[in-house]
Amino acid sequence: MPRTKRVYDPPAADDGRRILVDRLWPRGLTKEAARVDEWLKDVTPSNELRKWFHEDPDGRRAEFTERYLRELDGPAQRAGLDLLRAELREGPVTLLTSAKDVAHSHVPVLVSALEGKTAAKSAPAQEGRRTAKS
């Protein structure tokens, strides 16, 4: 199971691979300070879904979860999930987000998809992977 934390929190020696799972780069944070190993935009909610959810996160949580899981069933998203699963098999992984409240962000939905507790399926592919330098 991956660890989760805010990208603004200081990196820790036991973070392992630090993977940013936000669509937008965190405000006010340089790539050097973030110490992000990879930035996987393909496993994040679409801009439309992200904006819609942020209008009423408490009232839209259940529908957001369903819509996000449907998005995660796309080919690029399944490839991103496969990449994350491969990273997890290799060692510790920390999923990073700029969300103020990680527990009530998209990250728990992503973690459940990674653990196979959702309808999101898996298919091998290599697109959608970005290094922190891209």
N, C-alpha and C. Protein backbone atom coordinates (compact mmCIF):
# COMPACT_ATOMS: atom_id res chain seq x y z
N MET A 1 0.85 -1.18 0.00
CA MET A 1 0.00 0.00 0.00
C MET A 1 0.90 1.24 0.00
N PRO A 2 0.57 2.20 -0.85
CA PRO A 2 1.40 3.41 -0.89
C PRO A 2 1.14 4.30 0.32
N ARG A 3 2.14 5.06 0.67
CA ARG A 3 1.95 6.10 1.67
C ARG A 3 1.38 7.31 0.94
N THR A 4 0.75 8.20 1.69
CA THR A 4 0.24 9.43 1.11
C THR A 4 0.65 10.59 2.00
N LYS A 5 0.95 11.72 1.37
CA LYS A 5 1.26 12.92 2.14
C LYS A 5 1.19 14.14 1.26
N ARG A 6 1.19 15.29 1.89
CA ARG A 6 1.20 16.54 1.15
C ARG A 6 2.58 16.77 0.57
N VAL A 7 2.62 17.27 -0.63
CA VAL A 7 3.89 17.53 -1.30
C VAL A 7 4.66 18.65 -0.58
N TYR A 8 3.95 19.47 0.18
CA TYR A 8 4.58 20.56 0.93
C TYR A 8 5.27 20.07 2.20
N ASP A 9 4.94 18.85 2.65
CA ASP A 9 5.61 18.29 3.83
C ASP A 9 7.04 17.93 3.45
N PRO A 10 7.96 18.05 4.41
CA PRO A 10 9.36 17.75 4.09
C PRO A 10 9.54 16.29 3.67
N PRO A 11 10.39 16.05 2.68
CA PRO A 11 10.68 14.66 2.30
C PRO A 11 11.30 13.91 3.47
N ALA A 12 10.98 12.63 3.55
CA ALA A 12 11.52 11.77 4.61
C ALA A 12 12.35 10.66 3.97
N ALA A 13 13.30 10.16 4.71
CA ALA A 13 14.18 9.10 4.20
C ALA A 13 13.40 7.85 3.80
N ASP A 14 12.29 7.58 4.48
CA ASP A 14 11.52 6.37 4.20
C ASP A 14 10.38 6.59 3.19
N ASP A 15 10.36 7.72 2.49
CA ASP A 15 9.32 7.97 1.48
C ASP A 15 9.43 7.02 0.29
N GLY A 16 10.61 6.55 0.00
CA GLY A 16 10.79 5.74 -1.20
C GLY A 16 10.60 6.61 -2.42
N ARG A 17 9.96 6.05 -3.48
CA ARG A 17 9.68 6.83 -4.69
C ARG A 17 8.60 7.85 -4.36
N ARG A 18 8.87 9.09 -4.66
CA ARG A 18 7.91 10.19 -4.41
C ARG A 18 7.23 10.53 -5.73
N ILE A 19 5.91 10.25 -5.79
CA ILE A 19 5.17 10.40 -7.03
C ILE A 19 4.04 11.41 -6.84
N LEU A 20 4.08 12.47 -7.60
CA LEU A 20 3.05 13.50 -7.55
C LEU A 20 1.84 13.02 -8.34
N VAL A 21 0.67 13.05 -7.70
CA VAL A 21 -0.56 12.60 -8.34
C VAL A 21 -1.59 13.74 -8.37
N ASP A 22 -1.13 14.91 -8.78
CA ASP A 22 -1.98 16.07 -9.01
C ASP A 22 -1.87 16.47 -10.47
N ARG A 23 -2.93 17.01 -11.02
CA ARG A 23 -2.91 17.44 -12.42
C ARG A 23 -2.09 18.72 -12.58
N LEU A 24 -2.13 19.59 -11.57
CA LEU A 24 -1.41 20.86 -11.63
C LEU A 24 -0.19 20.81 -10.71
N TRP A 25 0.88 21.49 -11.11
CA TRP A 25 2.07 21.56 -10.24
C TRP A 25 1.71 22.40 -9.02
N PRO A 26 2.16 21.99 -7.83
CA PRO A 26 1.84 22.72 -6.59
C PRO A 26 2.37 24.16 -6.62
N ARG A 27 1.53 25.08 -6.21
CA ARG A 27 1.90 26.50 -6.20
C ARG A 27 3.04 26.77 -5.24
N GLY A 28 3.95 27.61 -5.72
CA GLY A 28 5.02 28.10 -4.86
C GLY A 28 6.08 27.08 -4.51
N LEU A 29 6.09 25.95 -5.18
CA LEU A 29 7.04 24.89 -4.85
C LEU A 29 7.93 24.60 -6.05
N THR A 30 9.23 24.69 -5.85
CA THR A 30 10.16 24.37 -6.94
C THR A 30 10.29 22.85 -7.05
N LYS A 31 10.71 22.40 -8.20
CA LYS A 31 10.91 20.97 -8.40
C LYS A 31 12.01 20.44 -7.48
N GLU A 32 13.01 21.27 -7.23
CA GLU A 32 14.10 20.85 -6.33
C GLU A 32 13.58 20.67 -4.90
N ALA A 33 12.76 21.59 -4.43
CA ALA A 33 12.23 21.50 -3.06
C ALA A 33 11.25 20.34 -2.92
N ALA A 34 10.48 20.07 -3.95
CA ALA A 34 9.48 19.00 -3.88
C ALA A 34 10.11 17.62 -3.87
N ARG A 35 11.27 17.50 -4.49
CA ARG A 35 11.95 16.21 -4.61
C ARG A 35 11.01 15.11 -5.11
N VAL A 36 10.35 15.41 -6.21
CA VAL A 36 9.41 14.48 -6.84
C VAL A 36 10.18 13.62 -7.84
N ASP A 37 9.99 12.30 -7.75
CA ASP A 37 10.64 11.39 -8.69
C ASP A 37 9.86 11.25 -9.98
N GLU A 38 8.53 11.29 -9.88
CA GLU A 38 7.67 11.17 -11.06
C GLU A 38 6.44 12.02 -10.84
N TRP A 39 5.85 12.44 -11.96
CA TRP A 39 4.61 13.20 -11.94
C TRP A 39 3.65 12.49 -12.88
N LEU A 40 2.67 11.80 -12.31
CA LEU A 40 1.71 11.02 -13.12
C LEU A 40 0.38 11.76 -13.22
N LYS A 41 0.26 12.59 -14.23
CA LYS A 41 -0.98 13.34 -14.43
C LYS A 41 -2.13 12.45 -14.88
N ASP A 42 -1.80 11.36 -15.58
CA ASP A 42 -2.85 10.51 -16.14
C ASP A 42 -3.71 9.80 -15.10
N VAL A 43 -3.26 9.69 -13.88
CA VAL A 43 -4.05 9.02 -12.85
C VAL A 43 -4.81 10.01 -11.98
N THR A 44 -4.83 11.27 -12.39
CA THR A 44 -5.53 12.29 -11.62
C THR A 44 -6.88 12.58 -12.26
N PRO A 45 -7.80 13.17 -11.50
CA PRO A 45 -9.09 13.53 -12.09
C PRO A 45 -8.90 14.55 -13.21
N SER A 46 -9.75 14.48 -14.21
CA SER A 46 -9.72 15.46 -15.30
C SER A 46 -9.95 16.86 -14.73
N ASN A 47 -9.53 17.87 -15.50
CA ASN A 47 -9.76 19.24 -15.04
C ASN A 47 -11.23 19.51 -14.78
N GLU A 48 -12.08 19.03 -15.67
CA GLU A 48 -13.53 19.23 -15.51
C GLU A 48 -14.01 18.60 -14.21
N LEU A 49 -13.64 17.36 -13.95
CA LEU A 49 -14.10 16.68 -12.74
C LEU A 49 -13.51 17.32 -11.49
N ARG A 50 -12.25 17.70 -11.56
CA ARG A 50 -11.59 18.35 -10.42
C ARG A 50 -12.30 19.64 -10.04
N LYS A 51 -12.57 20.48 -11.03
CA LYS A 51 -13.25 21.76 -10.77
C LYS A 51 -14.66 21.54 -10.25
N TRP A 52 -15.39 20.60 -10.84
CA TRP A 52 -16.75 20.28 -10.41
C TRP A 52 -16.76 19.83 -8.94
N PHE A 53 -15.85 18.97 -8.58
CA PHE A 53 -15.78 18.44 -7.21
C PHE A 53 -15.46 19.54 -6.21
N HIS A 54 -14.55 20.44 -6.56
CA HIS A 54 -14.14 21.48 -5.63
C HIS A 54 -15.23 22.51 -5.33
N GLU A 55 -16.27 22.55 -6.17
CA GLU A 55 -17.40 23.45 -5.91
C GLU A 55 -18.19 23.02 -4.68
N ASP A 56 -18.25 21.71 -4.40
CA ASP A 56 -19.01 21.19 -3.26
C ASP A 56 -18.48 19.82 -2.87
N PRO A 57 -17.26 19.76 -2.28
CA PRO A 57 -16.65 18.46 -2.00
C PRO A 57 -17.46 17.57 -1.06
N ASP A 58 -18.11 18.13 -0.09
CA ASP A 58 -18.89 17.30 0.84
C ASP A 58 -20.14 16.73 0.17
N GLY A 59 -20.83 17.56 -0.60
CA GLY A 59 -22.07 17.12 -1.23
C GLY A 59 -21.87 16.26 -2.46
N ARG A 60 -20.68 16.30 -3.04
CA ARG A 60 -20.45 15.59 -4.29
C ARG A 60 -19.48 14.41 -4.17
N ARG A 61 -19.10 14.07 -2.96
CA ARG A 61 -18.09 13.02 -2.75
C ARG A 61 -18.47 11.71 -3.43
N ALA A 62 -19.69 11.21 -3.19
CA ALA A 62 -20.08 9.89 -3.73
C ALA A 62 -20.07 9.91 -5.27
N GLU A 63 -20.65 10.95 -5.85
CA GLU A 63 -20.67 11.01 -7.32
C GLU A 63 -19.27 11.24 -7.87
N PHE A 64 -18.47 12.05 -7.17
CA PHE A 64 -17.08 12.25 -7.60
C PHE A 64 -16.35 10.91 -7.66
N THR A 65 -16.51 10.10 -6.62
CA THR A 65 -15.83 8.80 -6.56
C THR A 65 -16.23 7.95 -7.76
N GLU A 66 -17.52 7.88 -8.07
CA GLU A 66 -17.98 7.09 -9.21
C GLU A 66 -17.41 7.62 -10.53
N ARG A 67 -17.45 8.94 -10.70
CA ARG A 67 -16.98 9.53 -11.95
C ARG A 67 -15.46 9.36 -12.10
N TYR A 68 -14.75 9.53 -11.00
CA TYR A 68 -13.29 9.39 -11.04
C TYR A 68 -12.91 7.94 -11.36
N LEU A 69 -13.60 6.98 -10.77
CA LEU A 69 -13.32 5.58 -11.08
C LEU A 69 -13.58 5.27 -12.55
N ARG A 70 -14.61 5.88 -13.13
CA ARG A 70 -14.86 5.69 -14.57
C ARG A 70 -13.71 6.27 -15.38
N GLU A 71 -13.20 7.44 -14.96
CA GLU A 71 -12.06 8.02 -15.65
C GLU A 71 -10.83 7.11 -15.54
N LEU A 72 -10.64 6.51 -14.38
CA LEU A 72 -9.48 5.63 -14.18
C LEU A 72 -9.55 4.35 -15.01
N ASP A 73 -10.69 4.12 -15.65
CA ASP A 73 -10.84 2.94 -16.50
C ASP A 73 -10.41 3.22 -17.94
N GLY A 74 -9.96 4.43 -18.23
CA GLY A 74 -9.47 4.75 -19.58
C GLY A 74 -8.10 4.12 -19.80
N PRO A 75 -7.70 3.97 -21.05
CA PRO A 75 -6.43 3.30 -21.36
C PRO A 75 -5.20 3.97 -20.75
N ALA A 76 -5.10 5.29 -20.85
CA ALA A 76 -3.93 5.98 -20.28
C ALA A 76 -3.94 5.90 -18.76
N GLN A 77 -5.12 5.95 -18.19
CA GLN A 77 -5.25 5.87 -16.74
C GLN A 77 -4.91 4.46 -16.23
N ARG A 78 -5.36 3.45 -16.94
CA ARG A 78 -5.02 2.07 -16.55
C ARG A 78 -3.51 1.86 -16.66
N ALA A 79 -2.91 2.46 -17.69
CA ALA A 79 -1.45 2.35 -17.83
C ALA A 79 -0.76 3.01 -16.64
N GLY A 80 -1.26 4.17 -16.22
CA GLY A 80 -0.70 4.85 -15.05
C GLY A 80 -0.85 4.03 -13.79
N LEU A 81 -2.00 3.39 -13.63
CA LEU A 81 -2.20 2.51 -12.46
C LEU A 81 -1.22 1.35 -12.49
N ASP A 82 -1.01 0.79 -13.67
CA ASP A 82 -0.05 -0.32 -13.80
C ASP A 82 1.35 0.14 -13.43
N LEU A 83 1.72 1.34 -13.85
CA LEU A 83 3.04 1.88 -13.49
C LEU A 83 3.18 2.04 -11.98
N LEU A 84 2.14 2.54 -11.35
CA LEU A 84 2.17 2.69 -9.89
C LEU A 84 2.27 1.33 -9.19
N ARG A 85 1.52 0.36 -9.70
CA ARG A 85 1.59 -0.98 -9.10
C ARG A 85 3.00 -1.57 -9.24
N ALA A 86 3.62 -1.34 -10.39
CA ALA A 86 4.99 -1.82 -10.61
C ALA A 86 5.95 -1.14 -9.63
N GLU A 87 5.79 0.15 -9.43
CA GLU A 87 6.63 0.87 -8.46
C GLU A 87 6.44 0.30 -7.06
N LEU A 88 5.20 -0.01 -6.71
CA LEU A 88 4.91 -0.57 -5.38
C LEU A 88 5.56 -1.94 -5.18
N ARG A 89 5.63 -2.72 -6.25
CA ARG A 89 6.29 -4.03 -6.14
C ARG A 89 7.79 -3.88 -5.91
N GLU A 90 8.35 -2.78 -6.39
CA GLU A 90 9.80 -2.54 -6.27
C GLU A 90 10.22 -2.02 -4.90
N GLY A 91 9.31 -1.36 -4.20
CA GLY A 91 9.67 -0.79 -2.90
C GLY A 91 8.68 0.28 -2.45
N PRO A 92 9.05 1.01 -1.42
CA PRO A 92 8.14 2.02 -0.87
C PRO A 92 7.81 3.11 -1.89
N VAL A 93 6.55 3.55 -1.85
CA VAL A 93 6.07 4.62 -2.72
C VAL A 93 5.26 5.58 -1.86
N THR A 94 5.48 6.88 -2.07
CA THR A 94 4.68 7.89 -1.42
C THR A 94 3.98 8.71 -2.49
N LEU A 95 2.64 8.72 -2.44
CA LEU A 95 1.84 9.51 -3.36
C LEU A 95 1.71 10.91 -2.78
N LEU A 96 2.06 11.90 -3.58
CA LEU A 96 2.08 13.29 -3.12
C LEU A 96 0.95 14.09 -3.75
N THR A 97 0.36 14.96 -2.95
CA THR A 97 -0.69 15.85 -3.44
C THR A 97 -0.56 17.20 -2.75
N SER A 98 -1.07 18.22 -3.40
CA SER A 98 -1.07 19.54 -2.77
C SER A 98 -2.36 19.79 -1.99
N ALA A 99 -3.29 18.84 -2.02
CA ALA A 99 -4.56 19.01 -1.30
C ALA A 99 -4.31 19.24 0.19
N LYS A 100 -5.04 20.18 0.76
CA LYS A 100 -4.88 20.49 2.18
C LYS A 100 -5.32 19.33 3.06
N ASP A 101 -6.34 18.61 2.61
CA ASP A 101 -6.87 17.49 3.37
C ASP A 101 -6.77 16.23 2.50
N VAL A 102 -5.66 15.55 2.62
CA VAL A 102 -5.39 14.39 1.77
C VAL A 102 -6.50 13.34 1.89
N ALA A 103 -7.01 13.13 3.10
CA ALA A 103 -8.03 12.10 3.33
C ALA A 103 -9.33 12.39 2.60
N HIS A 104 -9.59 13.63 2.27
CA HIS A 104 -10.83 13.99 1.58
C HIS A 104 -10.56 14.52 0.17
N SER A 105 -9.47 14.06 -0.42
CA SER A 105 -9.11 14.44 -1.78
C SER A 105 -9.36 13.24 -2.70
N HIS A 106 -8.82 13.30 -3.90
CA HIS A 106 -8.93 12.19 -4.86
C HIS A 106 -8.00 11.03 -4.48
N VAL A 107 -7.03 11.28 -3.62
CA VAL A 107 -5.99 10.28 -3.34
C VAL A 107 -6.55 8.99 -2.74
N PRO A 108 -7.46 9.02 -1.76
CA PRO A 108 -8.00 7.74 -1.26
C PRO A 108 -8.70 6.91 -2.33
N VAL A 109 -9.35 7.56 -3.28
CA VAL A 109 -10.00 6.83 -4.39
C VAL A 109 -8.92 6.18 -5.25
N LEU A 110 -7.86 6.91 -5.52
CA LEU A 110 -6.74 6.37 -6.29
C LEU A 110 -6.10 5.18 -5.58
N VAL A 111 -5.90 5.29 -4.28
CA VAL A 111 -5.31 4.19 -3.51
C VAL A 111 -6.21 2.96 -3.59
N SER A 112 -7.55 3.14 -3.47
CA SER A 112 -8.42 1.96 -3.55
C SER A 112 -8.39 1.33 -4.93
N ALA A 113 -8.26 2.17 -5.97
CA ALA A 113 -8.14 1.62 -7.32
C ALA A 113 -6.83 0.82 -7.44
N LEU A 114 -5.76 1.32 -6.87
CA LEU A 114 -4.47 0.60 -6.91
C LEU A 114 -4.55 -0.74 -6.20
N GLU A 115 -5.31 -0.77 -5.13
CA GLU A 115 -5.43 -2.00 -4.34
C GLU A 115 -6.48 -2.95 -4.90
N GLY A 116 -7.11 -2.57 -6.00
CA GLY A 116 -8.10 -3.45 -6.63
C GLY A 116 -9.41 -3.49 -5.91
N LYS A 117 -9.71 -2.48 -5.08
CA LYS A 117 -10.96 -2.46 -4.33
C LYS A 117 -12.06 -1.74 -5.08
N THR A 118 -11.83 -1.48 -6.37
CA THR A 118 -12.80 -0.74 -7.17
C THR A 118 -12.98 -1.43 -8.51
N ALA A 119 -13.77 -0.81 -9.35
CA ALA A 119 -14.02 -1.35 -10.69
C ALA A 119 -12.93 -1.01 -11.68
N ALA A 120 -11.97 -0.16 -11.28
CA ALA A 120 -10.90 0.21 -12.22
C ALA A 120 -10.11 -1.02 -12.61
N LYS A 121 -9.93 -1.22 -13.91
CA LYS A 121 -9.24 -2.40 -14.43
C LYS A 121 -7.79 -2.08 -14.73
N SER A 122 -7.04 -3.10 -15.03
CA SER A 122 -5.62 -2.92 -15.31
C SER A 122 -5.29 -3.43 -16.70
N ALA A 123 -4.47 -2.65 -17.42
CA ALA A 123 -4.01 -3.07 -18.75
C ALA A 123 -2.59 -2.58 -18.95
N PRO A 124 -1.72 -3.42 -19.48
CA PRO A 124 -0.33 -3.00 -19.65
C PRO A 124 -0.18 -1.93 -20.73
N ALA A 125 0.67 -0.95 -20.43
CA ALA A 125 1.04 0.10 -21.38
C ALA A 125 2.11 0.95 -20.75
N GLN A 126 2.73 1.82 -21.52
CA GLN A 126 3.81 2.64 -21.01
C GLN A 126 3.57 4.13 -21.17
N GLU A 127 2.44 4.56 -21.74
CA GLU A 127 2.26 5.99 -21.92
C GLU A 127 1.78 6.65 -20.62
N GLY A 128 1.91 7.96 -20.54
CA GLY A 128 1.42 8.68 -19.39
C GLY A 128 2.44 8.85 -18.28
N ARG A 129 3.60 8.29 -18.40
CA ARG A 129 4.62 8.38 -17.36
C ARG A 129 5.47 9.60 -17.61
N ARG A 130 5.69 10.37 -16.57
CA ARG A 130 6.52 11.57 -16.70
C ARG A 130 7.52 11.59 -15.56
N THR A 131 8.68 12.02 -15.87
CA THR A 131 9.64 12.23 -14.81
C THR A 131 9.40 13.61 -14.24
N ALA A 132 9.98 13.92 -13.12
CA ALA A 132 9.81 15.23 -12.51
C ALA A 132 10.37 16.32 -13.40
N LYS A 133 11.22 15.96 -14.33
CA LYS A 133 11.84 16.95 -15.20
C LYS A 133 10.97 17.29 -16.41
N SER A 134 9.85 16.53 -16.64
CA SER A 134 9.02 16.84 -17.81
C SER A 134 7.98 17.88 -17.51
